[in-house]
PDB file of N, CA and C in Angstrom:
ATOM      1  N   UNK A   1     -16.646  42.590 -83.576  1.00  0.00           N
ATOM      2  CA  UNK A   1     -17.198  41.270 -83.122  1.00  0.00           C
ATOM      3  C   UNK A   1     -17.569  40.461 -84.287  1.00  0.00           C
ATOM      4  N   UNK A   2     -17.092  39.240 -84.422  1.00  0.00           N
ATOM      5  CA  UNK A   2     -17.481  38.340 -85.431  1.00  0.00           C
ATOM      6  C   UNK A   2     -18.756  37.576 -84.973  1.00  0.00           C
ATOM      7  N   UNK A   3     -19.751  37.565 -85.739  1.00  0.00           N
ATOM      8  CA  UNK A   3     -21.039  36.828 -85.440  1.00  0.00           C
ATOM      9  C   UNK A   3     -21.179  35.702 -86.438  1.00  0.00           C
ATOM     10  N   UNK A   4     -21.387  34.512 -85.863  1.00  0.00           N
ATOM     11  CA  UNK A   4     -21.488  33.300 -86.721  1.00  0.00           C
ATOM     12  C   UNK A   4     -22.778  32.590 -86.305  1.00  0.00           C
ATOM     13  N   UNK A   5     -23.298  31.847 -87.348  1.00  0.00           N
ATOM     14  CA  UNK A   5     -24.492  30.982 -87.038  1.00  0.00           C
ATOM     15  C   UNK A   5     -23.972  29.604 -87.212  1.00  0.00           C
ATOM     16  N   UNK A   6     -24.239  28.759 -86.196  1.00  0.00           N
ATOM     17  CA  UNK A   6     -23.800  27.401 -86.079  1.00  0.00           C
ATOM     18  C   UNK A   6     -24.987  26.467 -85.808  1.00  0.00           C
ATOM     19  N   UNK A   7     -24.985  25.266 -86.207  1.00  0.00           N
ATOM     20  CA  UNK A   7     -25.971  24.332 -85.808  1.00  0.00           C
ATOM     21  C   UNK A   7     -25.408  23.324 -84.883  1.00  0.00           C
ATOM     22  N   UNK A   8     -26.280  22.518 -84.207  1.00  0.00           N
ATOM     23  CA  UNK A   8     -25.745  21.483 -83.314  1.00  0.00           C
ATOM     24  C   UNK A   8     -24.824  20.498 -84.080  1.00  0.00           C
ATOM     25  N   UNK A   9     -23.626  20.324 -83.449  1.00  0.00           N
ATOM     26  CA  UNK A   9     -22.716  19.446 -84.067  1.00  0.00           C
ATOM     27  C   UNK A   9     -21.648  20.197 -84.824  1.00  0.00           C
ATOM     28  N   UNK A  10     -21.886  21.503 -85.119  1.00  0.00           N
ATOM     29  CA  UNK A  10     -20.955  22.281 -85.823  1.00  0.00           C
ATOM     30  C   UNK A  10     -19.979  22.964 -84.848  1.00  0.00           C
ATOM     31  N   UNK A  11     -18.838  23.403 -85.347  1.00  0.00           N
ATOM     32  CA  UNK A  11     -17.770  24.008 -84.558  1.00  0.00           C
ATOM     33  C   UNK A  11     -17.259  25.262 -85.164  1.00  0.00           C
ATOM     34  N   UNK A  12     -16.513  25.947 -84.255  1.00  0.00           N
ATOM     35  CA  UNK A  12     -15.573  27.064 -84.794  1.00  0.00           C
ATOM     36  C   UNK A  12     -14.264  26.819 -84.235  1.00  0.00           C
ATOM     37  N   UNK A  13     -13.228  27.237 -84.904  1.00  0.00           N
ATOM     38  CA  UNK A  13     -11.805  27.126 -84.429  1.00  0.00           C
ATOM     39  C   UNK A  13     -11.342  28.495 -84.113  1.00  0.00           C
ATOM     40  N   UNK A  14     -10.641  28.662 -83.024  1.00  0.00           N
ATOM     41  CA  UNK A  14      -9.974  29.886 -82.638  1.00  0.00           C
ATOM     42  C   UNK A  14      -8.493  29.537 -82.609  1.00  0.00           C
ATOM     43  N   UNK A  15      -7.802  30.127 -83.528  1.00  0.00           N
ATOM     44  CA  UNK A  15      -6.336  29.754 -83.716  1.00  0.00           C
ATOM     45  C   UNK A  15      -6.134  28.345 -84.100  1.00  0.00           C
ATOM     46  N   UNK A  16      -5.109  27.721 -83.741  1.00  0.00           N
ATOM     47  CA  UNK A  16      -4.797  26.322 -84.099  1.00  0.00           C
ATOM     48  C   UNK A  16      -5.274  25.324 -83.089  1.00  0.00           C
ATOM     49  N   UNK A  17      -5.611  25.843 -81.855  1.00  0.00           N
ATOM     50  CA  UNK A  17      -5.777  24.797 -80.772  1.00  0.00           C
ATOM     51  C   UNK A  17      -6.958  25.044 -79.868  1.00  0.00           C
ATOM     52  N   UNK A  18      -7.988  25.850 -80.295  1.00  0.00           N
ATOM     53  CA  UNK A  18      -9.135  26.000 -79.522  1.00  0.00           C
ATOM     54  C   UNK A  18     -10.395  25.739 -80.387  1.00  0.00           C
ATOM     55  N   UNK A  19     -11.248  24.864 -79.962  1.00  0.00           N
ATOM     56  CA  UNK A  19     -12.421  24.541 -80.696  1.00  0.00           C
ATOM     57  C   UNK A  19     -13.669  24.673 -79.836  1.00  0.00           C
ATOM     58  N   UNK A  20     -14.617  25.452 -80.428  1.00  0.00           N
ATOM     59  CA  UNK A  20     -15.897  25.654 -79.773  1.00  0.00           C
ATOM     60  C   UNK A  20     -16.911  24.751 -80.441  1.00  0.00           C
ATOM     61  N   UNK A  21     -17.663  23.869 -79.840  1.00  0.00           N
ATOM     62  CA  UNK A  21     -18.625  23.052 -80.488  1.00  0.00           C
ATOM     63  C   UNK A  21     -19.990  23.317 -79.889  1.00  0.00           C
ATOM     64  N   UNK A  22     -20.946  23.391 -80.809  1.00  0.00           N
ATOM     65  CA  UNK A  22     -22.345  23.505 -80.363  1.00  0.00           C
ATOM     66  C   UNK A  22     -22.866  22.147 -80.043  1.00  0.00           C
ATOM     67  N   UNK A  23     -23.176  21.829 -78.750  1.00  0.00           N
ATOM     68  CA  UNK A  23     -23.699  20.486 -78.344  1.00  0.00           C
ATOM     69  C   UNK A  23     -25.187  20.452 -78.238  1.00  0.00           C
ATOM     70  N   UNK A  24     -25.809  21.545 -77.858  1.00  0.00           N
ATOM     71  CA  UNK A  24     -27.321  21.499 -77.653  1.00  0.00           C
ATOM     72  C   UNK A  24     -27.874  22.850 -77.699  1.00  0.00           C
ATOM     73  N   UNK A  25     -29.078  23.003 -78.152  1.00  0.00           N
ATOM     74  CA  UNK A  25     -29.858  24.284 -78.104  1.00  0.00           C
ATOM     75  C   UNK A  25     -31.133  23.968 -77.554  1.00  0.00           C
ATOM     76  N   UNK A  26     -31.522  24.747 -76.459  1.00  0.00           N
ATOM     77  CA  UNK A  26     -32.754  24.474 -75.743  1.00  0.00           C
ATOM     78  C   UNK A  26     -33.392  25.875 -75.585  1.00  0.00           C
ATOM     79  N   UNK A  27     -34.236  26.344 -76.384  1.00  0.00           N
ATOM     80  CA  UNK A  27     -34.764  27.641 -76.222  1.00  0.00           C
ATOM     81  C   UNK A  27     -33.719  28.705 -76.382  1.00  0.00           C
ATOM     82  N   UNK A  28     -33.569  29.460 -75.371  1.00  0.00           N
ATOM     83  CA  UNK A  28     -32.480  30.532 -75.435  1.00  0.00           C
ATOM     84  C   UNK A  28     -31.139  30.079 -74.741  1.00  0.00           C
ATOM     85  N   UNK A  29     -31.085  28.788 -74.447  1.00  0.00           N
ATOM     86  CA  UNK A  29     -29.871  28.299 -73.856  1.00  0.00           C
ATOM     87  C   UNK A  29     -29.046  27.408 -74.819  1.00  0.00           C
ATOM     88  N   UNK A  30     -27.818  27.714 -74.939  1.00  0.00           N
ATOM     89  CA  UNK A  30     -26.876  26.987 -75.823  1.00  0.00           C
ATOM     90  C   UNK A  30     -25.827  26.316 -75.018  1.00  0.00           C
ATOM     91  N   UNK A  31     -25.709  24.996 -75.240  1.00  0.00           N
ATOM     92  CA  UNK A  31     -24.582  24.279 -74.495  1.00  0.00           C
ATOM     93  C   UNK A  31     -23.372  24.150 -75.412  1.00  0.00           C
ATOM     94  N   UNK A  32     -22.235  24.722 -74.939  1.00  0.00           N
ATOM     95  CA  UNK A  32     -21.065  24.782 -75.709  1.00  0.00           C
ATOM     96  C   UNK A  32     -20.055  23.726 -75.190  1.00  0.00           C
ATOM     97  N   UNK A  33     -19.318  23.119 -76.020  1.00  0.00           N
ATOM     98  CA  UNK A  33     -18.200  22.278 -75.645  1.00  0.00           C
ATOM     99  C   UNK A  33     -16.925  23.002 -76.032  1.00  0.00           C
ATOM    100  N   UNK A  34     -15.883  23.058 -75.188  1.00  0.00           N
ATOM    101  CA  UNK A  34     -14.688  23.812 -75.521  1.00  0.00           C
ATOM    102  C   UNK A  34     -13.551  22.843 -75.354  1.00  0.00           C
ATOM    103  N   UNK A  35     -12.734  22.743 -76.403  1.00  0.00           N
ATOM    104  CA  UNK A  35     -11.532  21.943 -76.444  1.00  0.00           C
ATOM    105  C   UNK A  35     -10.400  22.926 -76.570  1.00  0.00           C
ATOM    106  N   UNK A  36      -9.534  22.879 -75.534  1.00  0.00           N
ATOM    107  CA  UNK A  36      -8.357  23.877 -75.528  1.00  0.00           C
ATOM    108  C   UNK A  36      -7.280  23.239 -74.677  1.00  0.00           C
ATOM    109  N   UNK A  37      -6.033  23.679 -74.879  1.00  0.00           N
ATOM    110  CA  UNK A  37      -4.967  23.249 -74.053  1.00  0.00           C
ATOM    111  C   UNK A  37      -5.147  23.499 -72.619  1.00  0.00           C
ATOM    112  N   UNK A  38      -4.631  22.669 -71.713  1.00  0.00           N
ATOM    113  CA  UNK A  38      -4.802  22.834 -70.255  1.00  0.00           C
ATOM    114  C   UNK A  38      -4.303  24.158 -69.724  1.00  0.00           C
ATOM    115  N   UNK A  39      -3.313  24.733 -70.344  1.00  0.00           N
ATOM    116  CA  UNK A  39      -2.726  25.944 -69.864  1.00  0.00           C
ATOM    117  C   UNK A  39      -3.507  27.201 -70.252  1.00  0.00           C
ATOM    118  N   UNK A  40      -4.630  27.067 -70.965  1.00  0.00           N
ATOM    119  CA  UNK A  40      -5.446  28.177 -71.276  1.00  0.00           C
ATOM    120  C   UNK A  40      -6.614  28.203 -70.307  1.00  0.00           C
ATOM    121  N   UNK A  41      -6.760  29.210 -69.549  1.00  0.00           N
ATOM    122  CA  UNK A  41      -7.823  29.295 -68.642  1.00  0.00           C
ATOM    123  C   UNK A  41      -9.142  29.680 -69.251  1.00  0.00           C
ATOM    124  N   UNK A  42     -10.244  28.944 -68.812  1.00  0.00           N
ATOM    125  CA  UNK A  42     -11.545  29.216 -69.343  1.00  0.00           C
ATOM    126  C   UNK A  42     -12.459  29.512 -68.220  1.00  0.00           C
ATOM    127  N   UNK A  43     -13.103  30.670 -68.292  1.00  0.00           N
ATOM    128  CA  UNK A  43     -13.970  31.145 -67.242  1.00  0.00           C
ATOM    129  C   UNK A  43     -15.223  31.754 -67.784  1.00  0.00           C
ATOM    130  N   UNK A  44     -16.394  31.574 -67.129  1.00  0.00           N
ATOM    131  CA  UNK A  44     -17.549  32.207 -67.575  1.00  0.00           C
ATOM    132  C   UNK A  44     -17.337  33.738 -67.243  1.00  0.00           C
ATOM    133  N   UNK A  45     -17.809  34.516 -68.129  1.00  0.00           N
ATOM    134  CA  UNK A  45     -17.610  35.968 -67.965  1.00  0.00           C
ATOM    135  C   UNK A  45     -18.162  36.579 -66.757  1.00  0.00           C
ATOM    136  N   UNK A  46     -19.370  36.093 -66.340  1.00  0.00           N
ATOM    137  CA  UNK A  46     -20.021  36.661 -65.101  1.00  0.00           C
ATOM    138  C   UNK A  46     -19.157  36.242 -63.916  1.00  0.00           C
ATOM    139  N   UNK A  47     -18.526  35.156 -63.889  1.00  0.00           N
ATOM    140  CA  UNK A  47     -17.633  34.802 -62.834  1.00  0.00           C
ATOM    141  C   UNK A  47     -16.408  35.564 -62.756  1.00  0.00           C
ATOM    142  N   UNK A  48     -15.814  35.866 -63.936  1.00  0.00           N
ATOM    143  CA  UNK A  48     -14.633  36.728 -64.147  1.00  0.00           C
ATOM    144  C   UNK A  48     -14.968  38.090 -63.616  1.00  0.00           C
ATOM    145  N   UNK A  49     -16.078  38.642 -64.069  1.00  0.00           N
ATOM    146  CA  UNK A  49     -16.533  40.032 -63.641  1.00  0.00           C
ATOM    147  C   UNK A  49     -16.722  40.066 -62.069  1.00  0.00           C
ATOM    148  N   UNK A  50     -17.299  39.027 -61.527  1.00  0.00           N
ATOM    149  CA  UNK A  50     -17.519  39.025 -60.109  1.00  0.00           C
ATOM    150  C   UNK A  50     -16.152  39.093 -59.339  1.00  0.00           C
ATOM    151  N   UNK A  51     -15.186  38.235 -59.790  1.00  0.00           N
ATOM    152  CA  UNK A  51     -13.913  38.246 -59.116  1.00  0.00           C
ATOM    153  C   UNK A  51     -13.199  39.510 -59.331  1.00  0.00           C
ATOM    154  N   UNK A  52     -13.351  40.084 -60.483  1.00  0.00           N
ATOM    155  CA  UNK A  52     -12.758  41.429 -60.803  1.00  0.00           C
ATOM    156  C   UNK A  52     -13.316  42.547 -59.799  1.00  0.00           C
ATOM    157  N   UNK A  53     -14.604  42.503 -59.592  1.00  0.00           N
ATOM    158  CA  UNK A  53     -15.301  43.430 -58.783  1.00  0.00           C
ATOM    159  C   UNK A  53     -14.800  43.230 -57.310  1.00  0.00           C
ATOM    160  N   UNK A  54     -14.711  41.966 -56.877  1.00  0.00           N
ATOM    161  CA  UNK A  54     -14.286  41.689 -55.526  1.00  0.00           C
ATOM    162  C   UNK A  54     -12.854  42.182 -55.300  1.00  0.00           C
ATOM    163  N   UNK A  55     -11.989  42.015 -56.346  1.00  0.00           N
ATOM    164  CA  UNK A  55     -10.603  42.554 -56.225  1.00  0.00           C
ATOM    165  C   UNK A  55     -10.626  44.046 -56.099  1.00  0.00           C
ATOM    166  N   UNK A  56     -11.406  44.834 -56.920  1.00  0.00           N
ATOM    167  CA  UNK A  56     -11.417  46.184 -56.784  1.00  0.00           C
ATOM    168  C   UNK A  56     -11.926  46.673 -55.411  1.00  0.00           C
ATOM    169  N   UNK A  57     -12.902  45.952 -54.871  1.00  0.00           N
ATOM    170  CA  UNK A  57     -13.479  46.291 -53.480  1.00  0.00           C
ATOM    171  C   UNK A  57     -12.397  45.969 -52.456  1.00  0.00           C
ATOM    172  N   UNK A  58     -11.679  44.929 -52.579  1.00  0.00           N
ATOM    173  CA  UNK A  58     -10.658  44.617 -51.627  1.00  0.00           C
ATOM    174  C   UNK A  58      -9.468  45.608 -51.734  1.00  0.00           C
ATOM    175  N   UNK A  59      -9.163  45.992 -52.962  1.00  0.00           N
ATOM    176  CA  UNK A  59      -8.074  46.985 -53.157  1.00  0.00           C
ATOM    177  C   UNK A  59      -8.469  48.397 -52.474  1.00  0.00           C
ATOM    178  N   UNK A  60      -9.788  48.711 -52.728  1.00  0.00           N
ATOM    179  CA  UNK A  60     -10.221  50.027 -52.229  1.00  0.00           C
ATOM    180  C   UNK A  60     -10.263  49.891 -50.609  1.00  0.00           C
ATOM    181  N   UNK A  61     -10.596  48.818 -50.080  1.00  0.00           N
ATOM    182  CA  UNK A  61     -10.708  48.611 -48.615  1.00  0.00           C
ATOM    183  C   UNK A  61      -9.205  48.777 -48.062  1.00  0.00           C
ATOM    184  N   UNK A  62      -8.314  48.176 -48.772  1.00  0.00           N
ATOM    185  CA  UNK A  62      -6.901  48.181 -48.378  1.00  0.00           C
ATOM    186  C   UNK A  62      -6.440  49.702 -48.403  1.00  0.00           C
ATOM    187  N   UNK A  63      -6.755  50.389 -49.444  1.00  0.00           N
ATOM    188  CA  UNK A  63      -6.383  51.798 -49.616  1.00  0.00           C
ATOM    189  C   UNK A  63      -6.977  52.600 -48.412  1.00  0.00           C
ATOM    190  N   UNK A  64      -8.198  52.354 -48.197  1.00  0.00           N
ATOM    191  CA  UNK A  64      -8.957  53.072 -47.111  1.00  0.00           C
ATOM    192  C   UNK A  64      -8.268  52.761 -45.720  1.00  0.00           C
ATOM    193  N   UNK A  65      -7.881  51.550 -45.473  1.00  0.00           N
ATOM    194  CA  UNK A  65      -7.158  51.193 -44.280  1.00  0.00           C
ATOM    195  C   UNK A  65      -5.944  51.882 -44.178  1.00  0.00           C
ATOM    196  N   UNK A  66      -5.230  51.934 -45.279  1.00  0.00           N
ATOM    197  CA  UNK A  66      -3.851  52.618 -45.232  1.00  0.00           C
ATOM    198  C   UNK A  66      -4.071  54.136 -45.036  1.00  0.00           C
ATOM    199  N   UNK A  67      -5.021  54.706 -45.628  1.00  0.00           N
ATOM    200  CA  UNK A  67      -5.322  56.188 -45.417  1.00  0.00           C
ATOM    201  C   UNK A  67      -5.578  56.411 -43.939  1.00  0.00           C
ATOM    202  N   UNK A  68      -6.481  55.483 -43.351  1.00  0.00           N
ATOM    203  CA  UNK A  68      -6.845  55.710 -41.908  1.00  0.00           C
ATOM    204  C   UNK A  68      -5.597  55.574 -41.101  1.00  0.00           C
ATOM    205  N   UNK A  69      -4.700  54.508 -41.379  1.00  0.00           N
ATOM    206  CA  UNK A  69      -3.474  54.406 -40.503  1.00  0.00           C
ATOM    207  C   UNK A  69      -2.663  55.544 -40.668  1.00  0.00           C
ATOM    208  N   UNK A  70      -2.485  56.220 -41.839  1.00  0.00           N
ATOM    209  CA  UNK A  70      -1.674  57.445 -42.120  1.00  0.00           C
ATOM    210  C   UNK A  70      -2.317  58.594 -41.244  1.00  0.00           C
ATOM    211  N   UNK A  71      -3.650  58.654 -41.200  1.00  0.00           N
ATOM    212  CA  UNK A  71      -4.229  59.744 -40.503  1.00  0.00           C
ATOM    213  C   UNK A  71      -4.036  59.638 -38.917  1.00  0.00           C
ATOM    214  N   UNK A  72      -4.081  58.361 -38.535  1.00  0.00           N
ATOM    215  CA  UNK A  72      -3.835  58.100 -37.024  1.00  0.00           C
ATOM    216  C   UNK A  72      -2.436  58.414 -36.696  1.00  0.00           C
ATOM    217  N   UNK A  73      -1.469  58.048 -37.644  1.00  0.00           N
ATOM    218  CA  UNK A  73      -0.095  58.279 -37.308  1.00  0.00           C
ATOM    219  C   UNK A  73       0.227  59.798 -37.334  1.00  0.00           C
ATOM    220  N   UNK A  74      -0.468  60.658 -38.155  1.00  0.00           N
ATOM    221  CA  UNK A  74      -0.360  62.075 -38.245  1.00  0.00           C
ATOM    222  C   UNK A  74      -0.843  62.632 -36.882  1.00  0.00           C
ATOM    223  N   UNK A  75      -2.082  62.059 -36.412  1.00  0.00           N
ATOM    224  CA  UNK A  75      -2.586  62.644 -35.118  1.00  0.00           C
ATOM    225  C   UNK A  75      -1.707  62.317 -33.953  1.00  0.00           C
ATOM    226  N   UNK A  76      -1.065  61.222 -33.976  1.00  0.00           N
ATOM    227  CA  UNK A  76      -0.169  60.796 -32.843  1.00  0.00           C
ATOM    228  C   UNK A  76       1.088  61.761 -32.786  1.00  0.00           C
ATOM    229  N   UNK A  77       1.536  62.369 -33.834  1.00  0.00           N
ATOM    230  CA  UNK A  77       2.691  63.164 -33.796  1.00  0.00           C
ATOM    231  C   UNK A  77       2.402  64.508 -33.170  1.00  0.00           C
TER     232      UNK A  77
END
C-alpha cells in the first residue's frame, strides 16, 4: 500500500486518467473529488462489500433451494 500525505487542493494521479483531489478536511472526515472516465465504475468500499455479501447470501439461498428440490425429488422416487 502506498501512503501519501496531501493538503487541501492537492491531488494524486492514478494512471493517465484518474485524479483524486483533496477538497476538504474536517476532523477525521476527508472530502475527495474523483475525476475519471465514465466507463470506470466508482463505488464506496462499504457499499461494494454490502452488495458482495448480499450476492453470497442469495447464492447460498439458491444452492439451499436446489438441494431441497433434489431431496424432494429423491423422496418422490
